[in-house]
Amino acid sequence: MQYFKKIIIGIFLFLFLISTKKSQAIDPYVTIINPVRGTDNWSLEKQKPNDFIEIFKNNTATWLLRPDYFYNHDNVQYIKKNIPNKSEIGIFLEVTKTWAEKSGINYNQKTPWYYPKNVFLSGYNPKERIKLIDDAFKIFKDNFGFYPKSVGAWNIDITSAKYLNNKYGITSFLICSDQETTDNYQILSNNDGTPYIPSKTNILIKASSEKDKINAVIYSWAQRDPDVPQNKNIPNASLHSVQANDILHLGLDINYFKKI
């Protein structure tokens, strides 16, 4: 993720299999999810979403807008005017200074923005998390006229996930794939990257029963190479992923992306 912070909008492809009842055939699907950041910690001078949105004029995609993006009136008007009709709009739950200040929450500026204590909802106490979520969802609805059904972040704690599901009916959560270590945090769940129904005790674990589940689906982004275990003994294990910046850092090319 240290190299991801140079990217404003990223495309993340998720391939999963669904069996149909009639033919028992396996049909592949690709879900395209595009997180969109605002100006917090970024410069929009060189990278703007205009041309990127144009690519999706005739395609279905989900656009997750970070609160510091849709707190800006001009950005909201741009999205309303230009985003393809087939698109879904959700919220990218990456905490920033603008979002925190709008909610009256103290934001730590002494550590890098991408550290867990700053960027994750879990970096704030439960009461603060609810305040951040409620404020973001309120301004989202004020701007777009509805509550979203999808959210995403590098990590979403179980307290926030259950609140989002129960209070706002969120049915799709995008979180980071397993990684040995990047930006001072580690995710090791042994999931294979395909969508799953999460446990109500831990969003990284698949539900073990009907009583144990959250009524939502977890999608994994930044899919890792299944042939490279997330192991501290493997140099740069977490960079072996479908992220273009990771691939380039390893000195690899599009052929590696195709291989994954």
C-alpha atoms as a PDB file:
ATOM      1  CA  MET A   1       0.000   0.000   0.000  1.00  0.00           C
ATOM      2  CA  GLN A   2       2.957   2.344   0.372  1.00  0.00           C
ATOM      3  CA  TYR A   3       3.012   2.696  -3.400  1.00  0.00           C
ATOM      4  CA  PHE A   4      -0.765   2.782  -3.713  1.00  0.00           C
ATOM      5  CA  LYS A   5      -0.813   6.209  -2.147  1.00  0.00           C
ATOM      6  CA  LYS A   6       0.489   7.599  -5.451  1.00  0.00           C
ATOM      7  CA  ILE A   7      -2.732   6.542  -7.155  1.00  0.00           C
ATOM      8  CA  ILE A   8      -6.000   8.482  -6.940  1.00  0.00           C
ATOM      9  CA  ILE A   9      -8.327   6.014  -8.587  1.00  0.00           C
ATOM     10  CA  GLY A  10      -7.645   2.317  -8.924  1.00  0.00           C
ATOM     11  CA  ILE A  11      -9.369  -0.498 -10.739  1.00  0.00           C
ATOM     12  CA  PHE A  12      -9.688  -3.724  -8.817  1.00  0.00           C
ATOM     13  CA  LEU A  13     -10.945  -6.844 -10.528  1.00  0.00           C
ATOM     14  CA  PHE A  14     -12.608  -9.620  -8.624  1.00  0.00           C
ATOM     15  CA  LEU A  15     -13.249 -12.965 -10.286  1.00  0.00           C
ATOM     16  CA  PHE A  16     -15.576 -15.335  -8.567  1.00  0.00           C
ATOM     17  CA  LEU A  17     -17.592 -18.390  -9.500  1.00  0.00           C
ATOM     18  CA  ILE A  18     -21.317 -18.997  -9.156  1.00  0.00           C
ATOM     19  CA  SER A  19     -23.097 -22.294  -9.819  1.00  0.00           C
ATOM     20  CA  THR A  20     -26.471 -22.080 -11.569  1.00  0.00           C
ATOM     21  CA  LYS A  21     -29.211 -24.414 -10.361  1.00  0.00           C
ATOM     22  CA  LYS A  22     -30.323 -25.548 -13.810  1.00  0.00           C
ATOM     23  CA  SER A  23     -27.118 -26.510 -15.527  1.00  0.00           C
ATOM     24  CA  GLN A  24     -24.678 -26.593 -12.615  1.00  0.00           C
ATOM     25  CA  ALA A  25     -22.387 -24.681 -14.964  1.00  0.00           C
ATOM     26  CA  ILE A  26     -19.667 -22.453 -13.589  1.00  0.00           C
ATOM     27  CA  ASP A  27     -20.031 -18.865 -14.788  1.00  0.00           C
ATOM     28  CA  PRO A  28     -17.204 -16.354 -14.248  1.00  0.00           C
ATOM     29  CA  TYR A  29     -18.001 -12.788 -13.221  1.00  0.00           C
ATOM     30  CA  VAL A  30     -15.821  -9.724 -12.886  1.00  0.00           C
ATOM     31  CA  THR A  31     -16.798  -7.010 -10.424  1.00  0.00           C
ATOM     32  CA  ILE A  32     -15.089  -3.682 -11.104  1.00  0.00           C
ATOM     33  CA  ILE A  33     -14.800  -1.394  -8.091  1.00  0.00           C
ATOM     34  CA  ASN A  34     -13.213   2.044  -8.368  1.00  0.00           C
ATOM     35  CA  PRO A  35     -12.308   3.890  -5.142  1.00  0.00           C
ATOM     36  CA  VAL A  36     -12.238   7.683  -5.625  1.00  0.00           C
ATOM     37  CA  ARG A  37     -10.285   9.862  -3.217  1.00  0.00           C
ATOM     38  CA  GLY A  38     -10.659  13.576  -2.633  1.00  0.00           C
ATOM     39  CA  THR A  39      -7.887  16.104  -2.144  1.00  0.00           C
ATOM     40  CA  ASP A  40      -6.791  15.042   1.349  1.00  0.00           C
ATOM     41  CA  ASN A  41      -3.166  13.858   0.993  1.00  0.00           C
ATOM     42  CA  TRP A  42      -3.475  14.020  -2.803  1.00  0.00           C
ATOM     43  CA  SER A  43      -2.946  16.343  -5.729  1.00  0.00           C
ATOM     44  CA  LEU A  44      -5.593  16.329  -8.453  1.00  0.00           C
ATOM     45  CA  GLU A  45      -3.509  18.411 -10.841  1.00  0.00           C
ATOM     46  CA  LYS A  46      -1.998  15.494 -12.746  1.00  0.00           C
ATOM     47  CA  GLN A  47      -4.626  12.825 -12.165  1.00  0.00           C
ATOM     48  CA  LYS A  48      -8.317  13.546 -12.697  1.00  0.00           C
ATOM     49  CA  PRO A  49     -11.228  11.134 -13.029  1.00  0.00           C
ATOM     50  CA  ASN A  50     -12.617  12.613 -16.277  1.00  0.00           C
ATOM     51  CA  ASP A  51     -10.974  10.280 -18.784  1.00  0.00           C
ATOM     52  CA  PHE A  52     -11.226   7.385 -16.373  1.00  0.00           C
ATOM     53  CA  ILE A  53     -15.003   7.738 -16.024  1.00  0.00           C
ATOM     54  CA  GLU A  54     -15.313   7.950 -19.812  1.00  0.00           C
ATOM     55  CA  ILE A  55     -13.953   4.398 -20.070  1.00  0.00           C
ATOM     56  CA  PHE A  56     -16.950   3.097 -18.127  1.00  0.00           C
ATOM     57  CA  LYS A  57     -19.686   4.868 -20.094  1.00  0.00           C
ATOM     58  CA  ASN A  58     -21.002   1.537 -21.384  1.00  0.00           C
ATOM     59  CA  ASN A  59     -19.996  -0.693 -18.493  1.00  0.00           C
ATOM     60  CA  THR A  60     -21.273  -1.510 -15.056  1.00  0.00           C
ATOM     61  CA  ALA A  61     -19.012  -0.572 -12.152  1.00  0.00           C
ATOM     62  CA  THR A  62     -19.137   0.417  -8.505  1.00  0.00           C
ATOM     63  CA  TRP A  63     -17.644   3.775  -7.501  1.00  0.00           C
ATOM     64  CA  LEU A  64     -16.695   4.143  -3.849  1.00  0.00           C
ATOM     65  CA  LEU A  65     -16.339   7.830  -2.986  1.00  0.00           C
ATOM     66  CA  ARG A  66     -14.226   8.813  -0.005  1.00  0.00           C
ATOM     67  CA  PRO A  67     -16.022  11.380   2.223  1.00  0.00           C
ATOM     68  CA  ASP A  68     -13.435  14.094   1.550  1.00  0.00           C
ATOM     69  CA  TYR A  69     -14.467  13.777  -2.120  1.00  0.00           C
ATOM     70  CA  PHE A  70     -18.224  14.102  -1.721  1.00  0.00           C
ATOM     71  CA  TYR A  71     -17.977  16.762   0.991  1.00  0.00           C
ATOM     72  CA  ASN A  72     -16.974  18.973  -1.966  1.00  0.00           C
ATOM     73  CA  HIS A  73     -20.058  20.307  -3.805  1.00  0.00           C
ATOM     74  CA  ASP A  74     -18.279  20.581  -7.157  1.00  0.00           C
ATOM     75  CA  ASN A  75     -17.192  16.942  -6.986  1.00  0.00           C
ATOM     76  CA  VAL A  76     -20.747  15.815  -6.265  1.00  0.00           C
ATOM     77  CA  GLN A  77     -22.065  17.747  -9.245  1.00  0.00           C
ATOM     78  CA  TYR A  78     -19.359  16.272 -11.440  1.00  0.00           C
ATOM     79  CA  ILE A  79     -20.237  12.715 -10.395  1.00  0.00           C
ATOM     80  CA  LYS A  80     -23.961  13.296 -10.890  1.00  0.00           C
ATOM     81  CA  LYS A  81     -23.380  14.692 -14.356  1.00  0.00           C
ATOM     82  CA  ASN A  82     -20.739  12.277 -15.644  1.00  0.00           C
ATOM     83  CA  ILE A  83     -20.979   8.911 -13.941  1.00  0.00           C
ATOM     84  CA  PRO A  84     -22.492   6.216 -16.213  1.00  0.00           C
ATOM     85  CA  ASN A  85     -26.153   5.363 -15.596  1.00  0.00           C
ATOM     86  CA  LYS A  86     -25.378   1.696 -14.949  1.00  0.00           C
ATOM     87  CA  SER A  87     -22.983   2.533 -12.133  1.00  0.00           C
ATOM     88  CA  GLU A  88     -23.397   1.989  -8.413  1.00  0.00           C
ATOM     89  CA  ILE A  89     -22.173   4.644  -5.959  1.00  0.00           C
ATOM     90  CA  GLY A  90     -20.972   3.761  -2.466  1.00  0.00           C
ATOM     91  CA  ILE A  91     -18.619   5.069   0.218  1.00  0.00           C
ATOM     92  CA  PHE A  92     -14.892   4.500   0.624  1.00  0.00           C
ATOM     93  CA  LEU A  93     -14.417   4.416   4.413  1.00  0.00           C
ATOM     94  CA  GLU A  94     -10.856   5.699   4.552  1.00  0.00           C
ATOM     95  CA  VAL A  95     -10.694   8.234   7.387  1.00  0.00           C
ATOM     96  CA  THR A  96      -9.061  11.558   6.493  1.00  0.00           C
ATOM     97  CA  LYS A  97      -8.549  14.901   8.209  1.00  0.00           C
ATOM     98  CA  THR A  98     -11.487  16.501   6.394  1.00  0.00           C
ATOM     99  CA  TRP A  99     -13.915  13.733   7.315  1.00  0.00           C
ATOM    100  CA  ALA A 100     -12.744  13.648  10.945  1.00  0.00           C
ATOM    101  CA  GLU A 101     -12.942  17.421  11.362  1.00  0.00           C
ATOM    102  CA  LYS A 102     -16.423  17.568   9.800  1.00  0.00           C
ATOM    103  CA  SER A 103     -17.490  15.036  12.447  1.00  0.00           C
ATOM    104  CA  GLY A 104     -15.737  16.815  15.305  1.00  0.00           C
ATOM    105  CA  ILE A 105     -13.317  13.916  15.789  1.00  0.00           C
ATOM    106  CA  ASN A 106      -9.675  14.447  16.720  1.00  0.00           C
ATOM    107  CA  TYR A 107      -7.377  13.457  13.847  1.00  0.00           C
ATOM    108  CA  ASN A 108      -3.744  12.582  14.596  1.00  0.00           C
ATOM    109  CA  GLN A 109      -1.486  14.551  12.250  1.00  0.00           C
ATOM    110  CA  LYS A 110       1.752  13.411  13.883  1.00  0.00           C
ATOM    111  CA  THR A 111       1.799  10.055  12.099  1.00  0.00           C
ATOM    112  CA  PRO A 112       1.439   9.301   8.361  1.00  0.00           C
ATOM    113  CA  TRP A 113      -2.155   9.358   7.111  1.00  0.00           C
ATOM    114  CA  TYR A 114      -2.010   5.731   5.950  1.00  0.00           C
ATOM    115  CA  TYR A 115      -1.174   4.290   9.375  1.00  0.00           C
ATOM    116  CA  PRO A 116      -3.999   2.181  10.877  1.00  0.00           C
ATOM    117  CA  LYS A 117      -4.573   4.568  13.802  1.00  0.00           C
ATOM    118  CA  ASN A 118      -5.479   7.285  11.287  1.00  0.00           C
ATOM    119  CA  VAL A 119      -6.966   5.667   8.213  1.00  0.00           C
ATOM    120  CA  PHE A 120      -9.009   2.797   9.710  1.00  0.00           C
ATOM    121  CA  LEU A 121     -12.274   3.255  11.594  1.00  0.00           C
ATOM    122  CA  SER A 122     -10.771   0.891  14.182  1.00  0.00           C
ATOM    123  CA  GLY A 123      -8.268   3.630  15.003  1.00  0.00           C
ATOM    124  CA  TYR A 124     -11.109   5.459  16.765  1.00  0.00           C
ATOM    125  CA  ASN A 125     -13.234   4.397  19.715  1.00  0.00           C
ATOM    126  CA  PRO A 126     -16.654   2.817  18.967  1.00  0.00           C
ATOM    127  CA  LYS A 127     -18.547   6.040  19.727  1.00  0.00           C
ATOM    128  CA  GLU A 128     -16.320   7.987  17.317  1.00  0.00           C
ATOM    129  CA  ARG A 129     -16.710   5.326  14.618  1.00  0.00           C
ATOM    130  CA  ILE A 130     -20.496   5.624  14.765  1.00  0.00           C
ATOM    131  CA  LYS A 131     -20.245   9.432  14.572  1.00  0.00           C
ATOM    132  CA  LEU A 132     -17.954   9.230  11.551  1.00  0.00           C
ATOM    133  CA  ILE A 133     -20.231   6.734   9.798  1.00  0.00           C
ATOM    134  CA  ASP A 134     -23.451   8.612  10.568  1.00  0.00           C
ATOM    135  CA  ASP A 135     -22.057  11.927   9.354  1.00  0.00           C
ATOM    136  CA  ALA A 136     -20.686  10.412   6.143  1.00  0.00           C
ATOM    137  CA  PHE A 137     -23.965   8.643   5.384  1.00  0.00           C
ATOM    138  CA  LYS A 138     -25.989  11.774   6.114  1.00  0.00           C
ATOM    139  CA  ILE A 139     -24.040  13.991   3.715  1.00  0.00           C
ATOM    140  CA  PHE A 140     -24.055  11.192   1.139  1.00  0.00           C
ATOM    141  CA  LYS A 141     -27.851  10.952   1.280  1.00  0.00           C
ATOM    142  CA  ASP A 142     -28.223  14.741   1.284  1.00  0.00           C
ATOM    143  CA  ASN A 143     -26.225  14.837  -1.946  1.00  0.00           C
ATOM    144  CA  PHE A 144     -27.439  11.734  -3.765  1.00  0.00           C
ATOM    145  CA  GLY A 145     -30.900  11.166  -2.310  1.00  0.00           C
ATOM    146  CA  PHE A 146     -30.302   7.608  -1.060  1.00  0.00           C
ATOM    147  CA  TYR A 147     -28.116   5.529   1.207  1.00  0.00           C
ATOM    148  CA  PRO A 148     -25.507   3.332  -0.519  1.00  0.00           C
ATOM    149  CA  LYS A 149     -25.513  -0.459  -0.341  1.00  0.00           C
ATOM    150  CA  SER A 150     -21.737  -0.907  -0.763  1.00  0.00           C
ATOM    151  CA  VAL A 151     -18.725   0.334   1.183  1.00  0.00           C
ATOM    152  CA  GLY A 152     -15.020  -0.403   1.110  1.00  0.00           C
ATOM    153  CA  ALA A 153     -11.763   0.189   2.961  1.00  0.00           C
ATOM    154  CA  TRP A 154      -8.426  -1.524   3.451  1.00  0.00           C
ATOM    155  CA  ASN A 155      -9.889  -2.879   6.646  1.00  0.00           C
ATOM    156  CA  ILE A 156     -13.292  -2.679   8.362  1.00  0.00           C
ATOM    157  CA  ASP A 157     -13.580  -3.756  11.989  1.00  0.00           C
ATOM    158  CA  ILE A 158     -16.457  -5.980  13.102  1.00  0.00           C
ATOM    159  CA  THR A 159     -18.077  -3.252  15.235  1.00  0.00           C
ATOM    160  CA  SER A 160     -18.309  -0.900  12.259  1.00  0.00           C
ATOM    161  CA  ALA A 161     -19.346  -3.692   9.879  1.00  0.00           C
ATOM    162  CA  LYS A 162     -22.259  -4.788  12.078  1.00  0.00           C
ATOM    163  CA  TYR A 163     -23.385  -1.196  12.556  1.00  0.00           C
ATOM    164  CA  LEU A 164     -23.242  -0.518   8.806  1.00  0.00           C
ATOM    165  CA  ASN A 165     -25.224  -3.663   8.092  1.00  0.00           C
ATOM    166  CA  ASN A 166     -27.836  -3.175  10.829  1.00  0.00           C
ATOM    167  CA  LYS A 167     -28.314   0.597  10.602  1.00  0.00           C
ATOM    168  CA  TYR A 168     -27.854   1.254   6.878  1.00  0.00           C
ATOM    169  CA  GLY A 169     -28.432  -2.120   5.267  1.00  0.00           C
ATOM    170  CA  ILE A 170     -24.958  -2.367   3.742  1.00  0.00           C
ATOM    171  CA  THR A 171     -24.779  -5.666   1.850  1.00  0.00           C
ATOM    172  CA  SER A 172     -21.349  -5.421   0.177  1.00  0.00           C
ATOM    173  CA  PHE A 173     -18.031  -4.850   1.939  1.00  0.00           C
ATOM    174  CA  LEU A 174     -14.740  -4.465   0.077  1.00  0.00           C
ATOM    175  CA  ILE A 175     -11.642  -5.134   2.184  1.00  0.00           C
ATOM    176  CA  CYS A 176      -7.991  -5.876   1.494  1.00  0.00           C
ATOM    177  CA  SER A 177      -6.818  -9.373   0.630  1.00  0.00           C
ATOM    178  CA  ASP A 178      -4.466 -11.207   2.982  1.00  0.00           C
ATOM    179  CA  GLN A 179      -1.067  -9.585   3.319  1.00  0.00           C
ATOM    180  CA  GLU A 180       1.978 -10.353   5.411  1.00  0.00           C
ATOM    181  CA  THR A 181       2.678  -6.728   6.207  1.00  0.00           C
ATOM    182  CA  THR A 182       2.175  -3.363   4.548  1.00  0.00           C
ATOM    183  CA  ASP A 183       1.924   0.051   6.202  1.00  0.00           C
ATOM    184  CA  ASN A 184       2.292  -1.456   9.678  1.00  0.00           C
ATOM    185  CA  TYR A 185      -0.591  -3.897   9.582  1.00  0.00           C
ATOM    186  CA  GLN A 186      -1.157  -7.523   8.717  1.00  0.00           C
ATOM    187  CA  ILE A 187      -4.190  -9.454   7.455  1.00  0.00           C
ATOM    188  CA  LEU A 188      -4.029 -13.235   7.547  1.00  0.00           C
ATOM    189  CA  SER A 189      -7.383 -14.970   7.210  1.00  0.00           C
ATOM    190  CA  ASN A 190      -6.644 -17.953   4.948  1.00  0.00           C
ATOM    191  CA  ASN A 191      -9.428 -16.870   2.590  1.00  0.00           C
ATOM    192  CA  ASP A 192      -8.849 -17.573  -1.095  1.00  0.00           C
ATOM    193  CA  GLY A 193     -10.004 -14.199  -2.405  1.00  0.00           C
ATOM    194  CA  THR A 194     -13.475 -15.281  -3.535  1.00  0.00           C
ATOM    195  CA  PRO A 195     -16.543 -13.536  -2.041  1.00  0.00           C
ATOM    196  CA  TYR A 196     -17.956 -14.960   1.175  1.00  0.00           C
ATOM    197  CA  ILE A 197     -20.559 -14.372   3.897  1.00  0.00           C
ATOM    198  CA  PRO A 198     -18.744 -13.127   7.033  1.00  0.00           C
ATOM    199  CA  SER A 199     -19.059 -14.184  10.631  1.00  0.00           C
ATOM    200  CA  LYS A 200     -20.665 -11.693  12.996  1.00  0.00           C
ATOM    201  CA  THR A 201     -17.682 -12.111  15.320  1.00  0.00           C
ATOM    202  CA  ASN A 202     -14.940 -11.428  12.766  1.00  0.00           C
ATOM    203  CA  ILE A 203     -15.319 -10.002   9.275  1.00  0.00           C
ATOM    204  CA  LEU A 204     -12.219 -11.891   8.101  1.00  0.00           C
ATOM    205  CA  ILE A 205     -13.801 -15.259   8.866  1.00  0.00           C
ATOM    206  CA  LYS A 206     -16.516 -17.012   6.885  1.00  0.00           C
ATOM    207  CA  ALA A 207     -19.784 -17.543   8.755  1.00  0.00           C
ATOM    208  CA  SER A 208     -20.084 -21.025  10.206  1.00  0.00           C
ATOM    209  CA  SER A 209     -23.883 -21.059  10.337  1.00  0.00           C
ATOM    210  CA  GLU A 210     -27.033 -19.016   9.688  1.00  0.00           C
ATOM    211  CA  LYS A 211     -26.953 -17.722  13.255  1.00  0.00           C
ATOM    212  CA  ASP A 212     -23.309 -16.710  12.926  1.00  0.00           C
ATOM    213  CA  LYS A 213     -23.548 -14.673   9.718  1.00  0.00           C
ATOM    214  CA  ILE A 214     -23.821 -11.009   8.800  1.00  0.00           C
ATOM    215  CA  ASN A 215     -26.259 -10.628   5.907  1.00  0.00           C
ATOM    216  CA  ALA A 216     -23.661  -9.222   3.549  1.00  0.00           C
ATOM    217  CA  VAL A 217     -20.898 -10.285   1.170  1.00  0.00           C
ATOM    218  CA  ILE A 218     -17.176  -9.661   1.589  1.00  0.00           C
ATOM    219  CA  TYR A 219     -15.122  -8.923  -1.526  1.00  0.00           C
ATOM    220  CA  SER A 220     -11.315  -8.902  -1.510  1.00  0.00           C
ATOM    221  CA  TRP A 221      -9.270  -6.330  -3.342  1.00  0.00           C
ATOM    222  CA  ALA A 222      -5.587  -6.234  -4.235  1.00  0.00           C
ATOM    223  CA  GLN A 223      -5.800  -9.978  -4.833  1.00  0.00           C
ATOM    224  CA  ARG A 224      -2.498 -11.698  -3.993  1.00  0.00           C
ATOM    225  CA  ASP A 225      -0.734 -14.259  -6.118  1.00  0.00           C
ATOM    226  CA  PRO A 226      -2.095 -17.627  -4.881  1.00  0.00           C
ATOM    227  CA  ASP A 227       1.327 -19.174  -5.530  1.00  0.00           C
ATOM    228  CA  VAL A 228       3.060 -16.768  -3.111  1.00  0.00           C
ATOM    229  CA  PRO A 229       2.114 -17.415   0.546  1.00  0.00           C
ATOM    230  CA  GLN A 230       1.854 -14.366   2.781  1.00  0.00           C
ATOM    231  CA  ASN A 231       4.890 -15.299   4.789  1.00  0.00           C
ATOM    232  CA  LYS A 232       7.475 -13.064   6.466  1.00  0.00           C
ATOM    233  CA  ASN A 233      10.213 -15.315   5.066  1.00  0.00           C
ATOM    234  CA  ILE A 234       9.244 -14.377   1.494  1.00  0.00           C
ATOM    235  CA  PRO A 235      10.628 -10.944   0.531  1.00  0.00           C
ATOM    236  CA  ASN A 236       7.908  -8.509  -0.584  1.00  0.00           C
ATOM    237  CA  ALA A 237       5.265 -11.235  -0.361  1.00  0.00           C
ATOM    238  CA  SER A 238       2.456  -8.679  -0.209  1.00  0.00           C
ATOM    239  CA  LEU A 239       3.620  -7.006  -3.423  1.00  0.00           C
ATOM    240  CA  HIS A 240       2.807 -10.132  -5.420  1.00  0.00           C
ATOM    241  CA  SER A 241      -0.683  -8.919  -6.290  1.00  0.00           C
ATOM    242  CA  VAL A 242      -2.882  -7.638  -9.116  1.00  0.00           C
ATOM    243  CA  GLN A 243      -2.031  -4.021  -8.261  1.00  0.00           C
ATOM    244  CA  ALA A 244      -0.174  -2.387 -11.112  1.00  0.00           C
ATOM    245  CA  ASN A 245       2.085  -0.365  -8.794  1.00  0.00           C
ATOM    246  CA  ASP A 246       3.070  -3.522  -6.882  1.00  0.00           C
ATOM    247  CA  ILE A 247       3.822  -5.394 -10.091  1.00  0.00           C
ATOM    248  CA  LEU A 248       5.983  -2.563 -11.438  1.00  0.00           C
ATOM    249  CA  HIS A 249       7.862  -2.321  -8.157  1.00  0.00           C
ATOM    250  CA  LEU A 250       8.791  -5.991  -8.499  1.00  0.00           C
ATOM    251  CA  GLY A 251      10.092  -5.323 -12.008  1.00  0.00           C
ATOM    252  CA  LEU A 252       7.314  -7.399 -13.574  1.00  0.00           C
ATOM    253  CA  ASP A 253       4.876  -6.568 -16.372  1.00  0.00           C
ATOM    254  CA  ILE A 254       1.361  -7.190 -17.697  1.00  0.00           C
ATOM    255  CA  ASN A 255       2.128 -10.854 -18.236  1.00  0.00           C
ATOM    256  CA  TYR A 256       2.375 -11.333 -14.471  1.00  0.00           C
ATOM    257  CA  PHE A 257      -1.024  -9.674 -14.059  1.00  0.00           C
ATOM    258  CA  LYS A 258      -2.461 -12.079 -16.633  1.00  0.00           C
ATOM    259  CA  LYS A 259      -0.846 -15.011 -14.852  1.00  0.00           C
ATOM    260  CA  ILE A 260      -2.537 -14.118 -11.540  1.00  0.00           C
END
